Amino acid sequence: DGCLSGIPGQSPGYDALKFAVDQCHKRGMEIQAWVVTMPVGKWDGVG
């Protein structure tokens, strides 16, 4: 997604989910991966 790098389809240079998992667990919090199922965005969007 483009929310990390600002460019859809481009990596931000690190794994944001792994970073979030590690940081949540470091603080004693559970983390669930939120998966938006049916909507896949604008018809001509990259996704």
ModelCIF file with pLDDT and N, C-alpha, C, O atoms, coordinates in Angstrom:
data_MODEL
#
_entry.id   MODEL 
#
_entity.id                         1 
_entity.type                       polymer 
_entity.pdbx_number_of_molecules   1 
#
_entity_poly.entity_id                      1 
_entity_poly.type                           'polypeptide(L)' 
_entity_poly.nstd_linkage                   no 
_entity_poly.nstd_monomer                   no 
_entity_poly.pdbx_seq_one_letter_code       DGCLSGIPGQSPGYDALKFAVDQCHKRGMEIQAWVVTMPVGKWDGVG 
_entity_poly.pdbx_seq_one_letter_code_can   DGCLSGIPGQSPGYDALKFAVDQCHKRGMEIQAWVVTMPVGKWDGVG 
_entity_poly.pdbx_strand_id                 A 
#
loop_
_entity_poly_seq.entity_id 
_entity_poly_seq.num 
_entity_poly_seq.mon_id 
_entity_poly_seq.hetero 
1 1  ASP n 
1 2  GLY n 
1 3  CYS n 
1 4  LEU n 
1 5  SER n 
1 6  GLY n 
1 7  ILE n 
1 8  PRO n 
1 9  GLY n 
1 10 GLN n 
1 11 SER n 
1 12 PRO n 
1 13 GLY n 
1 14 TYR n 
1 15 ASP n 
1 16 ALA n 
1 17 LEU n 
1 18 LYS n 
1 19 PHE n 
1 20 ALA n 
1 21 VAL n 
1 22 ASP n 
1 23 GLN n 
1 24 CYS n 
1 25 HIS n 
1 26 LYS n 
1 27 ARG n 
1 28 GLY n 
1 29 MET n 
1 30 GLU n 
1 31 ILE n 
1 32 GLN n 
1 33 ALA n 
1 34 TRP n 
1 35 VAL n 
1 36 VAL n 
1 37 THR n 
1 38 MET n 
1 39 PRO n 
1 40 VAL n 
1 41 GLY n 
1 42 LYS n 
1 43 TRP n 
1 44 ASP n 
1 45 GLY n 
1 46 VAL n 
1 47 GLY n 
#
_struct_asym.id          A 
_struct_asym.entity_id   1 
#
loop_
_ma_qa_metric.id 
_ma_qa_metric.mode 
_ma_qa_metric.name 
_ma_qa_metric.software_group_id 
_ma_qa_metric.type 
1 global pLDDT . pLDDT 
2 local  pLDDT . pLDDT 
#
_ma_qa_metric_global.metric_id      1 
_ma_qa_metric_global.metric_value   97.45 
_ma_qa_metric_global.model_id       1 
_ma_qa_metric_global.ordinal_id     1 
#
loop_
_ma_qa_metric_local.label_asym_id 
_ma_qa_metric_local.label_comp_id 
_ma_qa_metric_local.label_seq_id 
_ma_qa_metric_local.metric_id 
_ma_qa_metric_local.metric_value 
_ma_qa_metric_local.model_id 
_ma_qa_metric_local.ordinal_id 
A ASP 1  2 98.00 1 1  
A GLY 2  2 97.00 1 2  
A CYS 3  2 97.00 1 3  
A LEU 4  2 98.00 1 4  
A SER 5  2 97.00 1 5  
A GLY 6  2 97.00 1 6  
A ILE 7  2 96.00 1 7  
A PRO 8  2 96.00 1 8  
A GLY 9  2 96.00 1 9  
A GLN 10 2 97.00 1 10 
A SER 11 2 97.00 1 11 
A PRO 12 2 97.00 1 12 
A GLY 13 2 97.00 1 13 
A TYR 14 2 97.00 1 14 
A ASP 15 2 98.00 1 15 
A ALA 16 2 98.00 1 16 
A LEU 17 2 98.00 1 17 
A LYS 18 2 98.00 1 18 
A PHE 19 2 98.00 1 19 
A ALA 20 2 98.00 1 20 
A VAL 21 2 98.00 1 21 
A ASP 22 2 98.00 1 22 
A GLN 23 2 98.00 1 23 
A CYS 24 2 98.00 1 24 
A HIS 25 2 98.00 1 25 
A LYS 26 2 97.00 1 26 
A ARG 27 2 97.00 1 27 
A GLY 28 2 97.00 1 28 
A MET 29 2 98.00 1 29 
A GLU 30 2 98.00 1 30 
A ILE 31 2 98.00 1 31 
A GLN 32 2 98.00 1 32 
A ALA 33 2 98.00 1 33 
A TRP 34 2 98.00 1 34 
A VAL 35 2 98.00 1 35 
A VAL 36 2 98.00 1 36 
A THR 37 2 98.00 1 37 
A MET 38 2 98.00 1 38 
A PRO 39 2 98.00 1 39 
A VAL 40 2 98.00 1 40 
A GLY 41 2 97.00 1 41 
A LYS 42 2 97.00 1 42 
A TRP 43 2 97.00 1 43 
A ASP 44 2 96.00 1 44 
A GLY 45 2 97.00 1 45 
A VAL 46 2 97.00 1 46 
A GLY 47 2 97.00 1 47 
#
loop_
_atom_site.group_PDB 
_atom_site.id 
_atom_site.type_symbol 
_atom_site.label_atom_id 
_atom_site.label_alt_id 
_atom_site.label_comp_id 
_atom_site.label_asym_id 
_atom_site.label_entity_id 
_atom_site.label_seq_id 
_atom_site.pdbx_PDB_ins_code 
_atom_site.Cartn_x 
_atom_site.Cartn_y 
_atom_site.Cartn_z 
_atom_site.occupancy 
_atom_site.B_iso_or_equiv 
_atom_site.pdbx_formal_charge 
_atom_site.auth_seq_id 
_atom_site.auth_comp_id 
_atom_site.auth_asym_id 
_atom_site.auth_atom_id 
_atom_site.pdbx_PDB_model_num 
ATOM 1   N N  . ASP A 1 1  ? 0.852   -1.187 0.000   1.00 98.00 ? 1  ASP A N  1 
ATOM 2   C CA . ASP A 1 1  ? 0.000   0.000  0.000   1.00 98.00 ? 1  ASP A CA 1 
ATOM 3   C C  . ASP A 1 1  ? 0.890   1.239  0.000   1.00 98.00 ? 1  ASP A C  1 
ATOM 4   O O  . ASP A 1 1  ? 2.051   1.183  0.406   1.00 98.00 ? 1  ASP A O  1 
ATOM 5   N N  . GLY A 1 2  ? 0.337   2.347  -0.456  1.00 97.00 ? 2  GLY A N  1 
ATOM 6   C CA . GLY A 1 2  ? 1.118   3.579  -0.534  1.00 97.00 ? 2  GLY A CA 1 
ATOM 7   C C  . GLY A 1 2  ? 1.203   4.358  0.753   1.00 97.00 ? 2  GLY A C  1 
ATOM 8   O O  . GLY A 1 2  ? 1.872   5.391  0.796   1.00 97.00 ? 2  GLY A O  1 
ATOM 9   N N  . CYS A 1 3  ? 0.533   3.892  1.831   1.00 97.00 ? 3  CYS A N  1 
ATOM 10  C CA . CYS A 1 3  ? 0.524   4.683  3.065   1.00 97.00 ? 3  CYS A CA 1 
ATOM 11  C C  . CYS A 1 3  ? 1.898   4.771  3.705   1.00 97.00 ? 3  CYS A C  1 
ATOM 12  O O  . CYS A 1 3  ? 2.161   5.710  4.456   1.00 97.00 ? 3  CYS A O  1 
ATOM 13  N N  . LEU A 1 4  ? 2.782   3.819  3.431   1.00 98.00 ? 4  LEU A N  1 
ATOM 14  C CA . LEU A 1 4  ? 4.088   3.794  4.075   1.00 98.00 ? 4  LEU A CA 1 
ATOM 15  C C  . LEU A 1 4  ? 5.137   4.591  3.304   1.00 98.00 ? 4  LEU A C  1 
ATOM 16  O O  . LEU A 1 4  ? 5.833   5.431  3.874   1.00 98.00 ? 4  LEU A O  1 
ATOM 17  N N  . SER A 1 5  ? 5.243   4.319  2.003   1.00 97.00 ? 5  SER A N  1 
ATOM 18  C CA . SER A 1 5  ? 6.259   4.995  1.190   1.00 97.00 ? 5  SER A CA 1 
ATOM 19  C C  . SER A 1 5  ? 5.733   6.228  0.486   1.00 97.00 ? 5  SER A C  1 
ATOM 20  O O  . SER A 1 5  ? 6.509   7.065  0.024   1.00 97.00 ? 5  SER A O  1 
ATOM 21  N N  . GLY A 1 6  ? 4.412   6.344  0.402   1.00 97.00 ? 6  GLY A N  1 
ATOM 22  C CA . GLY A 1 6  ? 3.810   7.436  -0.358  1.00 97.00 ? 6  GLY A CA 1 
ATOM 23  C C  . GLY A 1 6  ? 3.602   7.083  -1.812  1.00 97.00 ? 6  GLY A C  1 
ATOM 24  O O  . GLY A 1 6  ? 3.007   7.859  -2.561  1.00 97.00 ? 6  GLY A O  1 
ATOM 25  N N  . ILE A 1 7  ? 4.087   5.912  -2.228  1.00 96.00 ? 7  ILE A N  1 
ATOM 26  C CA . ILE A 1 7  ? 3.961   5.477  -3.621  1.00 96.00 ? 7  ILE A CA 1 
ATOM 27  C C  . ILE A 1 7  ? 3.360   4.080  -3.634  1.00 96.00 ? 7  ILE A C  1 
ATOM 28  O O  . ILE A 1 7  ? 4.020   3.136  -3.199  1.00 96.00 ? 7  ILE A O  1 
ATOM 29  N N  . PRO A 1 8  ? 2.118   3.909  -4.122  1.00 96.00 ? 8  PRO A N  1 
ATOM 30  C CA . PRO A 1 8  ? 1.504   2.582  -4.158  1.00 96.00 ? 8  PRO A CA 1 
ATOM 31  C C  . PRO A 1 8  ? 2.383   1.579  -4.880  1.00 96.00 ? 8  PRO A C  1 
ATOM 32  O O  . PRO A 1 8  ? 2.900   1.847  -5.965  1.00 96.00 ? 8  PRO A O  1 
ATOM 33  N N  . GLY A 1 9  ? 2.544   0.410  -4.255  1.00 96.00 ? 9  GLY A N  1 
ATOM 34  C CA . GLY A 1 9  ? 3.346   -0.645 -4.842  1.00 96.00 ? 9  GLY A CA 1 
ATOM 35  C C  . GLY A 1 9  ? 4.812   -0.598 -4.475  1.00 96.00 ? 9  GLY A C  1 
ATOM 36  O O  . GLY A 1 9  ? 5.557   -1.515 -4.821  1.00 96.00 ? 9  GLY A O  1 
ATOM 37  N N  . GLN A 1 10 ? 5.252   0.449  -3.779  1.00 97.00 ? 10 GLN A N  1 
ATOM 38  C CA . GLN A 1 10 ? 6.667   0.596  -3.448  1.00 97.00 ? 10 GLN A CA 1 
ATOM 39  C C  . GLN A 1 10 ? 6.916   0.309  -1.968  1.00 97.00 ? 10 GLN A C  1 
ATOM 40  O O  . GLN A 1 10 ? 6.175   0.772  -1.101  1.00 97.00 ? 10 GLN A O  1 
ATOM 41  N N  . SER A 1 11 ? 7.974   -0.463 -1.694  1.00 97.00 ? 11 SER A N  1 
ATOM 42  C CA . SER A 1 11 ? 8.336   -0.815 -0.328  1.00 97.00 ? 11 SER A CA 1 
ATOM 43  C C  . SER A 1 11 ? 8.848   0.401  0.434   1.00 97.00 ? 11 SER A C  1 
ATOM 44  O O  . SER A 1 11 ? 9.496   1.267  -0.155  1.00 97.00 ? 11 SER A O  1 
ATOM 45  N N  . PRO A 1 12 ? 8.567   0.482  1.746   1.00 97.00 ? 12 PRO A N  1 
ATOM 46  C CA . PRO A 1 12 ? 9.128   1.555  2.573   1.00 97.00 ? 12 PRO A CA 1 
ATOM 47  C C  . PRO A 1 12 ? 10.545  1.246  3.036   1.00 97.00 ? 12 PRO A C  1 
ATOM 48  O O  . PRO A 1 12 ? 11.174  2.066  3.705   1.00 97.00 ? 12 PRO A O  1 
ATOM 49  N N  . GLY A 1 13 ? 11.047  0.075  2.685   1.00 97.00 ? 13 GLY A N  1 
ATOM 50  C CA . GLY A 1 13 ? 12.395  -0.290 3.099   1.00 97.00 ? 13 GLY A CA 1 
ATOM 51  C C  . GLY A 1 13 ? 12.460  -1.115 4.364   1.00 97.00 ? 13 GLY A C  1 
ATOM 52  O O  . GLY A 1 13 ? 13.552  -1.455 4.820   1.00 97.00 ? 13 GLY A O  1 
ATOM 53  N N  . TYR A 1 14 ? 11.327  -1.444 4.937   1.00 97.00 ? 14 TYR A N  1 
ATOM 54  C CA . TYR A 1 14 ? 11.285  -2.310 6.111   1.00 97.00 ? 14 TYR A CA 1 
ATOM 55  C C  . TYR A 1 14 ? 9.912   -2.962 6.178   1.00 97.00 ? 14 TYR A C  1 
ATOM 56  O O  . TYR A 1 14 ? 8.975   -2.520 5.514   1.00 97.00 ? 14 TYR A O  1 
ATOM 57  N N  . ASP A 1 15 ? 9.795   -4.020 6.985   1.00 98.00 ? 15 ASP A N  1 
ATOM 58  C CA . ASP A 1 15 ? 8.537   -4.747 7.145   1.00 98.00 ? 15 ASP A CA 1 
ATOM 59  C C  . ASP A 1 15 ? 7.750   -4.106 8.285   1.00 98.00 ? 15 ASP A C  1 
ATOM 60  O O  . ASP A 1 15 ? 8.053   -4.335 9.456   1.00 98.00 ? 15 ASP A O  1 
ATOM 61  N N  . ALA A 1 16 ? 6.756   -3.314 7.949   1.00 98.00 ? 16 ALA A N  1 
ATOM 62  C CA . ALA A 1 16 ? 6.011   -2.558 8.958   1.00 98.00 ? 16 ALA A CA 1 
ATOM 63  C C  . ALA A 1 16 ? 5.224   -3.480 9.893   1.00 98.00 ? 16 ALA A C  1 
ATOM 64  O O  . ALA A 1 16 ? 5.083   -3.182 11.079  1.00 98.00 ? 16 ALA A O  1 
ATOM 65  N N  . LEU A 1 17 ? 4.716   -4.586 9.373   1.00 98.00 ? 17 LEU A N  1 
ATOM 66  C CA . LEU A 1 17 ? 3.948   -5.481 10.240  1.00 98.00 ? 17 LEU A CA 1 
ATOM 67  C C  . LEU A 1 17 ? 4.862   -6.152 11.266  1.00 98.00 ? 17 LEU A C  1 
ATOM 68  O O  . LEU A 1 17 ? 4.514   -6.221 12.445  1.00 98.00 ? 17 LEU A O  1 
ATOM 69  N N  . LYS A 1 18 ? 6.009   -6.640 10.840  1.00 98.00 ? 18 LYS A N  1 
ATOM 70  C CA . LYS A 1 18 ? 6.926   -7.260 11.799  1.00 98.00 ? 18 LYS A CA 1 
ATOM 71  C C  . LYS A 1 18 ? 7.352   -6.261 12.865  1.00 98.00 ? 18 LYS A C  1 
ATOM 72  O O  . LYS A 1 18 ? 7.431   -6.600 14.045  1.00 98.00 ? 18 LYS A O  1 
ATOM 73  N N  . PHE A 1 19 ? 7.625   -5.041 12.451  1.00 98.00 ? 19 PHE A N  1 
ATOM 74  C CA . PHE A 1 19 ? 8.007   -4.014 13.418  1.00 98.00 ? 19 PHE A CA 1 
ATOM 75  C C  . PHE A 1 19 ? 6.889   -3.791 14.426  1.00 98.00 ? 19 PHE A C  1 
ATOM 76  O O  . PHE A 1 19 ? 7.144   -3.695 15.627  1.00 98.00 ? 19 PHE A O  1 
ATOM 77  N N  . ALA A 1 20 ? 5.645   -3.708 13.943  1.00 98.00 ? 20 ALA A N  1 
ATOM 78  C CA . ALA A 1 20 ? 4.506   -3.479 14.835  1.00 98.00 ? 20 ALA A CA 1 
ATOM 79  C C  . ALA A 1 20 ? 4.306   -4.654 15.784  1.00 98.00 ? 20 ALA A C  1 
ATOM 80  O O  . ALA A 1 20 ? 4.029   -4.453 16.966  1.00 98.00 ? 20 ALA A O  1 
ATOM 81  N N  . VAL A 1 21 ? 4.443   -5.879 15.278  1.00 98.00 ? 21 VAL A N  1 
ATOM 82  C CA . VAL A 1 21 ? 4.295   -7.060 16.134  1.00 98.00 ? 21 VAL A CA 1 
ATOM 83  C C  . VAL A 1 21 ? 5.324   -7.038 17.255  1.00 98.00 ? 21 VAL A C  1 
ATOM 84  O O  . VAL A 1 21 ? 4.982   -7.240 18.420  1.00 98.00 ? 21 VAL A O  1 
ATOM 85  N N  . ASP A 1 22 ? 6.568   -6.794 16.909  1.00 98.00 ? 22 ASP A N  1 
ATOM 86  C CA . ASP A 1 22 ? 7.634   -6.773 17.913  1.00 98.00 ? 22 ASP A CA 1 
ATOM 87  C C  . ASP A 1 22 ? 7.389   -5.686 18.960  1.00 98.00 ? 22 ASP A C  1 
ATOM 88  O O  . ASP A 1 22 ? 7.585   -5.914 20.154  1.00 98.00 ? 22 ASP A O  1 
ATOM 89  N N  . GLN A 1 23 ? 6.964   -4.517 18.516  1.00 98.00 ? 23 GLN A N  1 
ATOM 90  C CA . GLN A 1 23 ? 6.769   -3.406 19.438  1.00 98.00 ? 23 GLN A CA 1 
ATOM 91  C C  . GLN A 1 23 ? 5.553   -3.619 20.337  1.00 98.00 ? 23 GLN A C  1 
ATOM 92  O O  . GLN A 1 23 ? 5.590   -3.255 21.513  1.00 98.00 ? 23 GLN A O  1 
ATOM 93  N N  . CYS A 1 24 ? 4.490   -4.194 19.813  1.00 98.00 ? 24 CYS A N  1 
ATOM 94  C CA . CYS A 1 24 ? 3.318   -4.495 20.654  1.00 98.00 ? 24 CYS A CA 1 
ATOM 95  C C  . CYS A 1 24 ? 3.678   -5.534 21.708  1.00 98.00 ? 24 CYS A C  1 
ATOM 96  O O  . CYS A 1 24 ? 3.337   -5.377 22.880  1.00 98.00 ? 24 CYS A O  1 
ATOM 97  N N  . HIS A 1 25 ? 4.362   -6.588 21.296  1.00 98.00 ? 25 HIS A N  1 
ATOM 98  C CA . HIS A 1 25 ? 4.733   -7.639 22.248  1.00 98.00 ? 25 HIS A CA 1 
ATOM 99  C C  . HIS A 1 25 ? 5.713   -7.120 23.291  1.00 98.00 ? 25 HIS A C  1 
ATOM 100 O O  . HIS A 1 25 ? 5.672   -7.541 24.447  1.00 98.00 ? 25 HIS A O  1 
ATOM 101 N N  . LYS A 1 26 ? 6.576   -6.226 22.896  1.00 97.00 ? 26 LYS A N  1 
ATOM 102 C CA . LYS A 1 26 ? 7.509   -5.623 23.860  1.00 97.00 ? 26 LYS A CA 1 
ATOM 103 C C  . LYS A 1 26 ? 6.755   -4.903 24.966  1.00 97.00 ? 26 LYS A C  1 
ATOM 104 O O  . LYS A 1 26 ? 7.248   -4.811 26.090  1.00 97.00 ? 26 LYS A O  1 
ATOM 105 N N  . ARG A 1 27 ? 5.575   -4.395 24.664  1.00 97.00 ? 27 ARG A N  1 
ATOM 106 C CA . ARG A 1 27 ? 4.767   -3.646 25.623  1.00 97.00 ? 27 ARG A CA 1 
ATOM 107 C C  . ARG A 1 27 ? 3.671   -4.501 26.256  1.00 97.00 ? 27 ARG A C  1 
ATOM 108 O O  . ARG A 1 27 ? 2.796   -3.976 26.944  1.00 97.00 ? 27 ARG A O  1 
ATOM 109 N N  . GLY A 1 28 ? 3.712   -5.804 26.029  1.00 97.00 ? 28 GLY A N  1 
ATOM 110 C CA . GLY A 1 28 ? 2.735   -6.698 26.648  1.00 97.00 ? 28 GLY A CA 1 
ATOM 111 C C  . GLY A 1 28 ? 1.357   -6.639 26.018  1.00 97.00 ? 28 GLY A C  1 
ATOM 112 O O  . GLY A 1 28 ? 0.381   -7.046 26.647  1.00 97.00 ? 28 GLY A O  1 
ATOM 113 N N  . MET A 1 29 ? 1.249   -6.141 24.789  1.00 98.00 ? 29 MET A N  1 
ATOM 114 C CA . MET A 1 29 ? -0.030  -6.034 24.102  1.00 98.00 ? 29 MET A CA 1 
ATOM 115 C C  . MET A 1 29 ? -0.156  -7.088 23.014  1.00 98.00 ? 29 MET A C  1 
ATOM 116 O O  . MET A 1 29 ? 0.828   -7.427 22.356  1.00 98.00 ? 29 MET A O  1 
ATOM 117 N N  . GLU A 1 30 ? -1.362  -7.605 22.823  1.00 98.00 ? 30 GLU A N  1 
ATOM 118 C CA . GLU A 1 30 ? -1.629  -8.467 21.681  1.00 98.00 ? 30 GLU A CA 1 
ATOM 119 C C  . GLU A 1 30 ? -1.815  -7.607 20.430  1.00 98.00 ? 30 GLU A C  1 
ATOM 120 O O  . GLU A 1 30 ? -2.232  -6.452 20.507  1.00 98.00 ? 30 GLU A O  1 
ATOM 121 N N  . ILE A 1 31 ? -1.500  -8.193 19.290  1.00 98.00 ? 31 ILE A N  1 
ATOM 122 C CA . ILE A 1 31 ? -1.722  -7.510 18.022  1.00 98.00 ? 31 ILE A CA 1 
ATOM 123 C C  . ILE A 1 31 ? -2.410  -8.468 17.065  1.00 98.00 ? 31 ILE A C  1 
ATOM 124 O O  . ILE A 1 31 ? -1.973  -9.604 16.884  1.00 98.00 ? 31 ILE A O  1 
ATOM 125 N N  . GLN A 1 32 ? -3.485  -8.001 16.459  1.00 98.00 ? 32 GLN A N  1 
ATOM 126 C CA . GLN A 1 32 ? -4.197  -8.775 15.460  1.00 98.00 ? 32 GLN A CA 1 
ATOM 127 C C  . GLN A 1 32 ? -4.058  -8.083 14.101  1.00 98.00 ? 32 GLN A C  1 
ATOM 128 O O  . GLN A 1 32 ? -4.163  -6.861 13.998  1.00 98.00 ? 32 GLN A O  1 
ATOM 129 N N  . ALA A 1 33 ? -3.822  -8.884 13.072  1.00 98.00 ? 33 ALA A N  1 
ATOM 130 C CA . ALA A 1 33 ? -3.711  -8.352 11.718  1.00 98.00 ? 33 ALA A CA 1 
ATOM 131 C C  . ALA A 1 33 ? -5.116  -8.103 11.174  1.00 98.00 ? 33 ALA A C  1 
ATOM 132 O O  . ALA A 1 33 ? -5.879  -9.037 10.927  1.00 98.00 ? 33 ALA A O  1 
ATOM 133 N N  . TRP A 1 34 ? -5.434  -6.839 10.997  1.00 98.00 ? 34 TRP A N  1 
ATOM 134 C CA . TRP A 1 34 ? -6.747  -6.398 10.520  1.00 98.00 ? 34 TRP A CA 1 
ATOM 135 C C  . TRP A 1 34 ? -6.753  -6.531 8.997   1.00 98.00 ? 34 TRP A C  1 
ATOM 136 O O  . TRP A 1 34 ? -6.000  -5.860 8.292   1.00 98.00 ? 34 TRP A O  1 
ATOM 137 N N  . VAL A 1 35 ? -7.618  -7.411 8.516   1.00 98.00 ? 35 VAL A N  1 
ATOM 138 C CA . VAL A 1 35 ? -7.704  -7.716 7.086   1.00 98.00 ? 35 VAL A CA 1 
ATOM 139 C C  . VAL A 1 35 ? -9.038  -7.219 6.542   1.00 98.00 ? 35 VAL A C  1 
ATOM 140 O O  . VAL A 1 35 ? -10.087 -7.773 6.872   1.00 98.00 ? 35 VAL A O  1 
ATOM 141 N N  . VAL A 1 36 ? -9.007  -6.184 5.717   1.00 98.00 ? 36 VAL A N  1 
ATOM 142 C CA . VAL A 1 36 ? -10.221 -5.713 5.044   1.00 98.00 ? 36 VAL A CA 1 
ATOM 143 C C  . VAL A 1 36 ? -10.512 -6.694 3.911   1.00 98.00 ? 36 VAL A C  1 
ATOM 144 O O  . VAL A 1 36 ? -9.673  -6.889 3.031   1.00 98.00 ? 36 VAL A O  1 
ATOM 145 N N  . THR A 1 37 ? -11.681 -7.306 3.924   1.00 98.00 ? 37 THR A N  1 
ATOM 146 C CA . THR A 1 37 ? -11.934 -8.440 3.031   1.00 98.00 ? 37 THR A CA 1 
ATOM 147 C C  . THR A 1 37 ? -12.510 -8.051 1.670   1.00 98.00 ? 37 THR A C  1 
ATOM 148 O O  . THR A 1 37 ? -11.808 -8.163 0.665   1.00 98.00 ? 37 THR A O  1 
ATOM 149 N N  . MET A 1 38 ? -13.742 -7.605 1.604   1.00 98.00 ? 38 MET A N  1 
ATOM 150 C CA . MET A 1 38 ? -14.418 -7.431 0.309   1.00 98.00 ? 38 MET A CA 1 
ATOM 151 C C  . MET A 1 38 ? -13.981 -6.189 -0.478  1.00 98.00 ? 38 MET A C  1 
ATOM 152 O O  . MET A 1 38 ? -13.749 -6.312 -1.680  1.00 98.00 ? 38 MET A O  1 
ATOM 153 N N  . PRO A 1 39 ? -13.856 -5.010 0.124   1.00 98.00 ? 39 PRO A N  1 
ATOM 154 C CA . PRO A 1 39 ? -13.471 -3.829 -0.664  1.00 98.00 ? 39 PRO A CA 1 
ATOM 155 C C  . PRO A 1 39 ? -12.004 -3.909 -1.099  1.00 98.00 ? 39 PRO A C  1 
ATOM 156 O O  . PRO A 1 39 ? -11.130 -4.225 -0.292  1.00 98.00 ? 39 PRO A O  1 
ATOM 157 N N  . VAL A 1 40 ? -11.744 -3.627 -2.359  1.00 98.00 ? 40 VAL A N  1 
ATOM 158 C CA . VAL A 1 40 ? -10.355 -3.659 -2.859  1.00 98.00 ? 40 VAL A CA 1 
ATOM 159 C C  . VAL A 1 40 ? -9.960  -2.333 -3.493  1.00 98.00 ? 40 VAL A C  1 
ATOM 160 O O  . VAL A 1 40 ? -9.005  -2.279 -4.268  1.00 98.00 ? 40 VAL A O  1 
ATOM 161 N N  . GLY A 1 41 ? -10.680 -1.267 -3.174  1.00 97.00 ? 41 GLY A N  1 
ATOM 162 C CA . GLY A 1 41 ? -10.250 0.064  -3.570  1.00 97.00 ? 41 GLY A CA 1 
ATOM 163 C C  . GLY A 1 41 ? -10.787 0.548  -4.898  1.00 97.00 ? 41 GLY A C  1 
ATOM 164 O O  . GLY A 1 41 ? -11.660 -0.075 -5.500  1.00 97.00 ? 41 GLY A O  1 
ATOM 165 N N  . LYS A 1 42 ? -10.248 1.672  -5.344  1.00 97.00 ? 42 LYS A N  1 
ATOM 166 C CA . LYS A 1 42 ? -10.667 2.273  -6.609  1.00 97.00 ? 42 LYS A CA 1 
ATOM 167 C C  . LYS A 1 42 ? -10.440 1.288  -7.757  1.00 97.00 ? 42 LYS A C  1 
ATOM 168 O O  . LYS A 1 42 ? -9.476  0.524  -7.771  1.00 97.00 ? 42 LYS A O  1 
ATOM 169 N N  . TRP A 1 43 ? -11.357 1.335  -8.711  1.00 97.00 ? 43 TRP A N  1 
ATOM 170 C CA . TRP A 1 43 ? -11.339 0.369  -9.803  1.00 97.00 ? 43 TRP A CA 1 
ATOM 171 C C  . TRP A 1 43 ? -10.000 0.346  -10.534 1.00 97.00 ? 43 TRP A C  1 
ATOM 172 O O  . TRP A 1 43 ? -9.532  -0.712 -10.955 1.00 97.00 ? 43 TRP A O  1 
ATOM 173 N N  . ASP A 1 44 ? -9.393  1.510  -10.680 1.00 96.00 ? 44 ASP A N  1 
ATOM 174 C CA . ASP A 1 44 ? -8.096  1.573  -11.370 1.00 96.00 ? 44 ASP A CA 1 
ATOM 175 C C  . ASP A 1 44 ? -6.931  1.726  -10.405 1.00 96.00 ? 44 ASP A C  1 
ATOM 176 O O  . ASP A 1 44 ? -5.806  1.992  -10.829 1.00 96.00 ? 44 ASP A O  1 
ATOM 177 N N  . GLY A 1 45 ? -7.190  1.559  -9.096  1.00 97.00 ? 45 GLY A N  1 
ATOM 178 C CA . GLY A 1 45 ? -6.116  1.604  -8.117  1.00 97.00 ? 45 GLY A CA 1 
ATOM 179 C C  . GLY A 1 45 ? -5.224  0.373  -8.232  1.00 97.00 ? 45 GLY A C  1 
ATOM 180 O O  . GLY A 1 45 ? -5.610  -0.633 -8.828  1.00 97.00 ? 45 GLY A O  1 
ATOM 181 N N  . VAL A 1 46 ? -4.034  0.461  -7.658  1.00 97.00 ? 46 VAL A N  1 
ATOM 182 C CA . VAL A 1 46 ? -3.063  -0.612 -7.839  1.00 97.00 ? 46 VAL A CA 1 
ATOM 183 C C  . VAL A 1 46 ? -3.567  -1.940 -7.284  1.00 97.00 ? 46 VAL A C  1 
ATOM 184 O O  . VAL A 1 46 ? -3.341  -2.981 -7.901  1.00 97.00 ? 46 VAL A O  1 
ATOM 185 N N  . GLY A 1 47 ? -4.248  -1.932 -6.127  1.00 97.00 ? 47 GLY A N  1 
ATOM 186 C CA . GLY A 1 47 ? -4.726  -3.176 -5.537  1.00 97.00 ? 47 GLY A CA 1 
ATOM 187 C C  . GLY A 1 47 ? -5.800  -3.833 -6.369  1.00 97.00 ? 47 GLY A C  1 
ATOM 188 O O  . GLY A 1 47 ? -6.305  -4.894 -6.001  1.00 97.00 ? 47 GLY A O  1 
#
